[in-house]
Amino acid sequence: MSLAEQFAQAQADSKNLPERPDNMTLLKIYGLYKQASSGDATGERPGFTDMVGRAKFDAWDGLKGTSKDEAMQQYIDLIEELKDA
């Protein structure tokens, strides 16, 4: 299975995890997904009144410089780890 196919499978698996991950793990999943699918963060950081948007942007922006393939592999590994938890 190619990396892209494994990534697609991990996306599907992420919707059926045995339990909901904590917020920090959810932010990590989000950041890795965005980095893998869109590359480095773009746009302006949301203002302080948008706490959720700001946290999501920061999680994505923290991965700046990570290649799409590396982000895909980290995403796949994280979802696999959460499936086995």
Protein backbone atom coordinates (compact mmCIF):
# COMPACT_ATOMS: atom_id res chain seq x y z
CA MET A 1 0.00 0.00 0.00
CA SER A 2 1.37 3.43 -0.92
CA LEU A 3 1.89 6.19 1.63
CA ALA A 4 -1.10 8.11 0.21
CA GLU A 5 -3.30 5.00 0.55
CA GLN A 6 -2.11 4.43 4.12
CA PHE A 7 -2.85 8.11 4.87
CA ALA A 8 -6.37 7.77 3.45
CA GLN A 9 -6.92 4.62 5.53
CA ALA A 10 -5.64 6.39 8.67
CA GLN A 11 -8.12 9.23 8.02
CA ALA A 12 -10.96 6.70 7.89
CA ASP A 13 -9.63 4.94 11.00
CA SER A 14 -9.44 8.23 12.91
CA LYS A 15 -13.23 8.44 12.84
CA ASN A 16 -13.57 5.05 14.57
CA LEU A 17 -11.07 5.23 17.42
CA PRO A 18 -11.96 3.25 20.56
CA GLU A 19 -12.05 6.47 22.61
CA ARG A 20 -11.91 10.19 21.92
CA PRO A 21 -8.33 11.50 22.20
CA ASP A 22 -7.56 14.37 24.58
CA ASN A 23 -7.47 17.91 23.19
CA MET A 24 -3.67 18.04 22.83
CA THR A 25 -3.70 14.81 20.81
CA LEU A 26 -6.58 16.12 18.68
CA LEU A 27 -4.53 19.25 17.94
CA LYS A 28 -1.57 17.08 16.96
CA ILE A 29 -3.78 15.02 14.64
CA TYR A 30 -5.17 18.22 13.11
CA GLY A 31 -1.73 19.77 12.62
CA LEU A 32 -0.30 16.64 11.01
CA TYR A 33 -3.33 16.31 8.73
CA LYS A 34 -3.10 19.93 7.58
CA GLN A 35 0.68 19.71 7.06
CA ALA A 36 0.31 16.46 5.08
CA SER A 37 -2.55 17.74 2.93
CA SER A 38 -1.73 21.46 2.54
CA GLY A 39 1.94 21.98 3.43
CA ASP A 40 3.15 24.82 5.65
CA ALA A 41 0.57 26.97 7.42
CA THR A 42 -0.73 29.93 5.45
CA GLY A 43 -2.86 32.93 6.29
CA GLU A 44 -2.97 35.00 9.42
CA ARG A 45 -3.09 33.58 12.93
CA PRO A 46 -6.62 33.98 14.34
CA GLY A 47 -7.12 36.62 17.01
CA PHE A 48 -7.22 35.93 20.74
CA THR A 49 -11.04 35.82 20.71
CA ASP A 50 -10.93 32.69 18.52
CA MET A 51 -9.24 30.35 21.00
CA VAL A 52 -9.98 27.13 19.08
CA GLY A 53 -8.93 28.55 15.71
CA ARG A 54 -5.77 29.94 17.26
CA ALA A 55 -4.85 26.60 18.88
CA LYS A 56 -5.46 24.75 15.61
CA PHE A 57 -3.38 27.25 13.65
CA ASP A 58 -0.54 27.01 16.19
CA ALA A 59 -0.59 23.19 16.03
CA TRP A 60 -0.30 23.35 12.22
CA ASP A 61 2.25 26.18 12.21
CA GLY A 62 4.42 24.26 14.67
CA LEU A 63 5.07 21.69 11.94
CA LYS A 64 6.44 24.25 9.48
CA GLY A 65 9.22 22.74 7.37
CA THR A 66 8.00 19.15 7.84
CA SER A 67 7.64 17.45 4.45
CA LYS A 68 4.22 16.25 3.38
CA ASP A 69 5.47 12.64 3.32
CA GLU A 70 6.93 12.91 6.83
CA ALA A 71 3.70 14.48 8.13
CA MET A 72 1.68 11.68 6.48
CA GLN A 73 3.87 9.03 8.14
CA GLN A 74 3.61 10.71 11.56
CA TYR A 75 -0.19 10.95 11.14
CA ILE A 76 -0.42 7.26 10.19
CA ASP A 77 1.78 6.25 13.15
CA LEU A 78 -0.25 8.36 15.61
CA ILE A 79 -3.60 6.94 14.44
CA GLU A 80 -2.21 3.38 14.64
CA GLU A 81 -1.01 4.09 18.18
CA LEU A 82 -4.44 5.43 19.18
CA LYS A 83 -6.24 2.44 17.60
CA ASP A 84 -4.22 0.08 19.79
CA ALA A 85 -4.77 2.07 22.98
